[in-house]
Each structure stands twice: as structure tokens, then as C-alpha cells.
């Protein structure tokens, strides 16, 4: 997927008033999922918008070998599924829960009715969509202009959305390689280069950024 992580993209809940957030909760229902539980499947034609309320969801596709390849991760306040309403498209990815997760699932008819009545909701959705589209365009531009180590570093900075002492990105090396269309060996060399410069540290299925400011400066 272009721009694999959207953890630092706008939360639609932050762009809406408390009143509208309460209305969205009331229009849908809160579904509870356990770690790894499937929320939706690629090809589903159920129309509606979902908002992560607690936890996080992993968006991706199942590879030929049966492995799940992550293409994005969405956290609390972020939404998905809007293209099923406005473009009439089926679900393009499988989505599963990361840890204990609560998702507010709003049926299409109810969401559209509120959307038509509330300019604030349409503006918030437009902002969210445009920021994600900008991220995709930047990612595609990076593919043409920047060397792989720089593209990987930009991805990791975009995936953190945090200036914690040591942010952690939950992604495997093979998932990262798939994201950038390179071999696992090539990605391993890139990560080793960043690790030798003490910019990152690797764990099992995780990449730790040792210092966000230092990586940004690099």
C-alpha cells in the first residue's frame, strides 16, 4: 500500500464537536474484538463507516503463502470504509484487531443522513481523506526521487506520530519489504545500516526508534 501507516493522520473524532461524536456513537453500535480477531474481509460489500474507539486495527492483505501483509494501522479516532458509501466500492482489505479493540460501526444509510445534515461532518471527512491522499502522493514521489534508506526512515517517522523516548513500530521485516517492493534481504541491509548508525533498534516483529529528532535530522 502506498504510505503504509496512518497513525499520525487526523483523527476524525478530533475534528468533530462532542455533540457530533455522540451522535455517531448513537447511530452505530460498538463492536468488541479480541487480539487478531477478523473485523472485515476483502471483498465484503457491506456499506458503512467504522471508527476505532479503543485499541487499533491492522489493515492488509493475505499473501499467496497465507501470511498477512500489513498495509496500514489505524488507531483510536481514525475511520475507514467511507469509500464504500461515496464510491460504491467493496472492501479492499482484510482488517483485524490489534489487542483488545472497540470499533463504532455505523451503517451506511444512517451515516449518509447525518452527513447530509451536518457540514461539520463532511468537512472533517474531507480533511481526513485529503491528508491521506497527500500521504499517498508523497509516497509515490519518494519512490522516484529518494534512495531506499531515506524512504524507510520517512516511513518510520510517519508511523510513530509520537516523540516518546523510544517509539515502537509493530511491523516485521518481511512486511516492511513488501511495502516498499523490495526483497527481505535488501530491507535487512537498510535496517542494518540505520541500526549501525544507532538510529533504530530491532526486536521481534518490532522496530524501535532510538531518538525521533536524530532520525529526523538524519
Protein backbone atom coordinates (compact mmCIF):
# COMPACT_ATOMS: atom_id res chain seq x y z
CA UNK A 1 0.00 0.00 0.00
CA UNK A 2 1.20 3.50 -0.57
CA UNK A 3 2.02 5.11 2.78
CA UNK A 4 1.64 2.03 4.97
CA UNK A 5 0.93 3.64 8.31
CA UNK A 6 -1.63 6.31 9.06
CA UNK A 7 -1.17 6.50 12.81
CA UNK A 8 -0.32 10.20 12.59
CA UNK A 9 -3.11 11.17 10.16
CA UNK A 10 -6.02 13.21 11.52
CA UNK A 11 -8.43 11.56 13.88
CA UNK A 12 -11.90 12.31 12.64
CA UNK A 13 -13.09 12.42 16.25
CA UNK A 14 -10.71 15.35 16.90
CA UNK A 15 -12.27 17.27 14.02
CA UNK A 16 -15.82 16.92 15.29
CA UNK A 17 -17.71 18.54 18.15
CA UNK A 18 -18.64 16.49 21.19
CA UNK A 19 -22.25 16.62 20.01
CA UNK A 20 -21.46 15.04 16.65
CA UNK A 21 -19.20 12.42 18.20
CA UNK A 22 -22.06 11.43 20.49
CA UNK A 23 -24.44 11.24 17.51
CA UNK A 24 -22.08 8.93 15.64
CA UNK A 25 -21.87 6.61 18.61
CA UNK A 26 -25.65 6.59 18.91
CA UNK A 27 -26.16 5.89 15.19
CA UNK A 28 -23.97 2.81 15.17
CA UNK A 29 -23.03 0.09 17.58
CA UNK A 30 -19.81 -0.58 19.45
CA UNK A 31 -18.33 -3.95 18.49
CA UNK A 32 -15.69 -5.57 20.70
CA UNK A 33 -12.84 -7.63 19.24
CA UNK A 34 -10.00 -9.65 20.71
CA UNK A 35 -6.41 -9.59 19.54
CA UNK A 36 -6.12 -10.88 15.98
CA UNK A 37 -9.86 -11.25 15.50
CA UNK A 38 -11.08 -10.58 11.95
CA UNK A 39 -13.26 -7.48 11.64
CA UNK A 40 -13.86 -7.41 7.90
CA UNK A 41 -12.75 -9.37 4.82
CA UNK A 42 -11.57 -8.17 1.45
CA UNK A 43 -14.50 -8.16 -1.00
CA UNK A 44 -17.21 -7.51 1.59
CA UNK A 45 -19.87 -5.22 0.11
CA UNK A 46 -21.41 -4.06 3.37
CA UNK A 47 -21.63 -0.28 3.29
CA UNK A 48 -20.80 1.82 6.31
CA UNK A 49 -18.17 3.77 8.18
CA UNK A 50 -16.23 2.44 11.13
CA UNK A 51 -14.39 4.48 13.77
CA UNK A 52 -11.81 2.91 16.06
CA UNK A 53 -12.71 3.86 19.62
CA UNK A 54 -10.15 1.87 21.60
CA UNK A 55 -7.18 -0.23 20.58
CA UNK A 56 -6.06 -0.41 16.96
CA UNK A 57 -6.77 -2.27 13.74
CA UNK A 58 -4.39 -3.81 11.25
CA UNK A 59 -5.27 -3.34 7.58
CA UNK A 60 -3.71 -5.63 5.00
CA UNK A 61 -3.97 -8.47 2.54
CA UNK A 62 -3.31 -12.18 2.70
CA UNK A 63 -0.32 -13.26 0.62
CA UNK A 64 -0.05 -16.31 -1.60
CA UNK A 65 1.69 -18.20 1.21
CA UNK A 66 -1.15 -17.39 3.61
CA UNK A 67 0.76 -14.74 5.54
CA UNK A 68 -0.93 -11.46 6.44
CA UNK A 69 0.88 -8.45 4.98
CA UNK A 70 0.17 -5.22 6.85
CA UNK A 71 -0.51 -2.16 4.73
CA UNK A 72 -1.71 0.26 7.40
CA UNK A 73 -2.54 0.55 11.07
CA UNK A 74 -5.36 2.74 12.37
CA UNK A 75 -5.68 3.85 15.96
CA UNK A 76 -8.32 5.47 18.18
CA UNK A 77 -10.38 8.15 16.49
CA UNK A 78 -9.47 7.11 12.96
CA UNK A 79 -12.06 5.88 10.48
CA UNK A 80 -12.30 3.58 7.50
CA UNK A 81 -14.89 2.38 5.00
CA UNK A 82 -16.03 5.75 3.68
CA UNK A 83 -15.31 4.77 0.06
CA UNK A 84 -17.99 2.07 0.33
CA UNK A 85 -20.53 4.89 0.64
CA UNK A 86 -19.26 7.54 -1.73
CA UNK A 87 -17.67 5.35 -4.42
CA UNK A 88 -19.76 2.19 -4.08
CA UNK A 89 -16.62 0.06 -3.81
CA UNK A 90 -16.30 -3.24 -1.95
CA UNK A 91 -13.90 -3.58 0.96
CA UNK A 92 -10.38 -3.73 -0.44
CA UNK A 93 -8.55 -5.18 2.58
CA UNK A 94 -8.85 -7.55 5.48
CA UNK A 95 -8.93 -5.81 8.85
CA UNK A 96 -8.18 -7.41 12.19
CA UNK A 97 -7.85 -6.18 15.76
CA UNK A 98 -4.54 -5.42 17.45
CA UNK A 99 -5.11 -6.22 21.09
CA UNK A 100 -8.49 -5.57 22.70
CA UNK A 101 -10.28 -3.23 20.33
CA UNK A 102 -13.60 -1.38 20.21
CA UNK A 103 -14.98 -0.21 16.86
CA UNK A 104 -18.00 2.02 16.32
CA UNK A 105 -19.69 0.60 13.22
CA UNK A 106 -22.15 3.00 11.58
CA UNK A 107 -24.48 1.69 8.82
CA UNK A 108 -24.34 3.49 5.50
CA UNK A 109 -27.86 4.95 5.45
CA UNK A 110 -27.58 6.44 8.92
CA UNK A 111 -24.14 7.90 8.21
CA UNK A 112 -25.24 9.46 4.90
CA UNK A 113 -28.32 11.01 6.55
CA UNK A 114 -26.16 12.69 9.19
CA UNK A 115 -23.53 13.62 6.57
CA UNK A 116 -26.18 15.47 4.53
CA UNK A 117 -27.38 17.37 7.58
CA UNK A 118 -24.03 18.31 9.13
CA UNK A 119 -21.44 20.32 7.14
CA UNK A 120 -19.04 19.79 10.04
CA UNK A 121 -19.02 16.05 9.37
CA UNK A 122 -18.43 16.45 5.64
CA UNK A 123 -15.57 18.88 6.30
CA UNK A 124 -13.93 16.51 8.80
CA UNK A 125 -14.19 13.60 6.38
CA UNK A 126 -12.78 15.72 3.57
CA UNK A 127 -9.78 16.77 5.68
CA UNK A 128 -9.07 13.17 6.65
CA UNK A 129 -9.31 11.97 3.07
CA UNK A 130 -7.14 14.77 1.67
CA UNK A 131 -4.39 14.22 4.23
CA UNK A 132 -4.32 10.51 3.39
CA UNK A 133 -4.28 11.27 -0.34
CA UNK A 134 -1.40 13.70 0.20
CA UNK A 135 0.48 10.96 2.01
CA UNK A 136 -0.05 8.58 -0.90
CA UNK A 137 1.18 11.17 -3.43
CA UNK A 138 4.23 11.94 -1.32
CA UNK A 139 4.99 8.23 -1.02
CA UNK A 140 4.79 7.80 -4.80
CA UNK A 141 7.03 10.84 -5.32
CA UNK A 142 9.54 9.42 -2.86
CA UNK A 143 9.67 6.20 -4.89
CA UNK A 144 11.01 8.18 -7.85
CA UNK A 145 13.39 10.52 -6.05
CA UNK A 146 14.75 9.10 -2.81
CA UNK A 147 17.07 6.19 -2.03
CA UNK A 148 15.54 3.29 -0.13
CA UNK A 149 17.12 4.04 3.30
CA UNK A 150 15.64 7.55 3.27
CA UNK A 151 12.21 6.28 2.23
CA UNK A 152 12.27 3.73 5.04
CA UNK A 153 13.32 6.38 7.56
CA UNK A 154 10.48 8.67 6.42
CA UNK A 155 8.03 5.80 6.76
CA UNK A 156 9.15 5.09 10.32
CA UNK A 157 8.88 8.76 11.28
CA UNK A 158 5.39 8.90 9.79
CA UNK A 159 4.38 5.74 11.60
CA UNK A 160 5.26 6.95 15.08
CA UNK A 161 3.16 10.08 15.49
CA UNK A 162 4.96 10.43 18.79
CA UNK A 163 8.06 11.91 20.37
CA UNK A 164 8.25 9.34 23.11
CA UNK A 165 11.72 8.38 24.24
CA UNK A 166 11.71 5.23 22.13
CA UNK A 167 8.65 4.88 19.85
CA UNK A 168 7.90 1.39 18.64
CA UNK A 169 6.55 0.34 15.24
CA UNK A 170 4.85 -3.05 15.14
CA UNK A 171 5.93 -4.40 11.78
CA UNK A 172 8.00 -7.35 10.61
CA UNK A 173 10.93 -7.06 8.24
CA UNK A 174 9.12 -9.00 5.51
CA UNK A 175 6.07 -6.72 5.84
CA UNK A 176 8.30 -3.68 5.51
CA UNK A 177 9.99 -5.20 2.46
CA UNK A 178 6.61 -5.89 0.85
CA UNK A 179 5.53 -2.31 1.49
CA UNK A 180 8.50 -0.95 -0.47
CA UNK A 181 8.51 -3.64 -3.14
CA UNK A 182 11.98 -4.98 -2.30
CA UNK A 183 13.36 -8.28 -1.10
CA UNK A 184 13.66 -9.16 2.57
CA UNK A 185 17.45 -9.23 2.13
CA UNK A 186 17.50 -5.69 0.73
CA UNK A 187 15.34 -4.43 3.59
CA UNK A 188 17.60 -6.20 6.07
CA UNK A 189 20.59 -4.27 4.70
CA UNK A 190 18.72 -0.97 5.08
CA UNK A 191 17.70 -1.71 8.67
CA UNK A 192 21.25 -2.80 9.49
CA UNK A 193 22.57 0.49 8.12
CA UNK A 194 20.16 2.50 10.27
CA UNK A 195 20.93 0.30 13.26
CA UNK A 196 24.70 0.74 12.86
CA UNK A 197 24.15 4.48 13.00
CA UNK A 198 22.23 3.91 16.25
CA UNK A 199 19.08 5.44 14.79
CA UNK A 200 16.92 2.36 15.33
CA UNK A 201 16.90 -0.93 17.22
CA UNK A 202 15.20 -4.13 16.12
CA UNK A 203 13.08 -6.50 18.15
CA UNK A 204 10.88 -9.46 17.26
CA UNK A 205 8.25 -8.02 14.92
CA UNK A 206 9.11 -4.52 16.11
CA UNK A 207 11.35 -1.61 15.18
CA UNK A 208 12.31 0.91 17.86
CA UNK A 209 13.32 4.46 17.02
CA UNK A 210 16.12 5.35 19.42
CA UNK A 211 15.60 9.09 19.02
CA UNK A 212 12.96 10.70 16.80
CA UNK A 213 14.82 14.03 16.50
CA UNK A 214 18.08 12.31 15.48
CA UNK A 215 16.32 10.23 12.84
CA UNK A 216 14.53 13.34 11.54
CA UNK A 217 17.85 15.20 11.34
CA UNK A 218 19.46 12.27 9.51
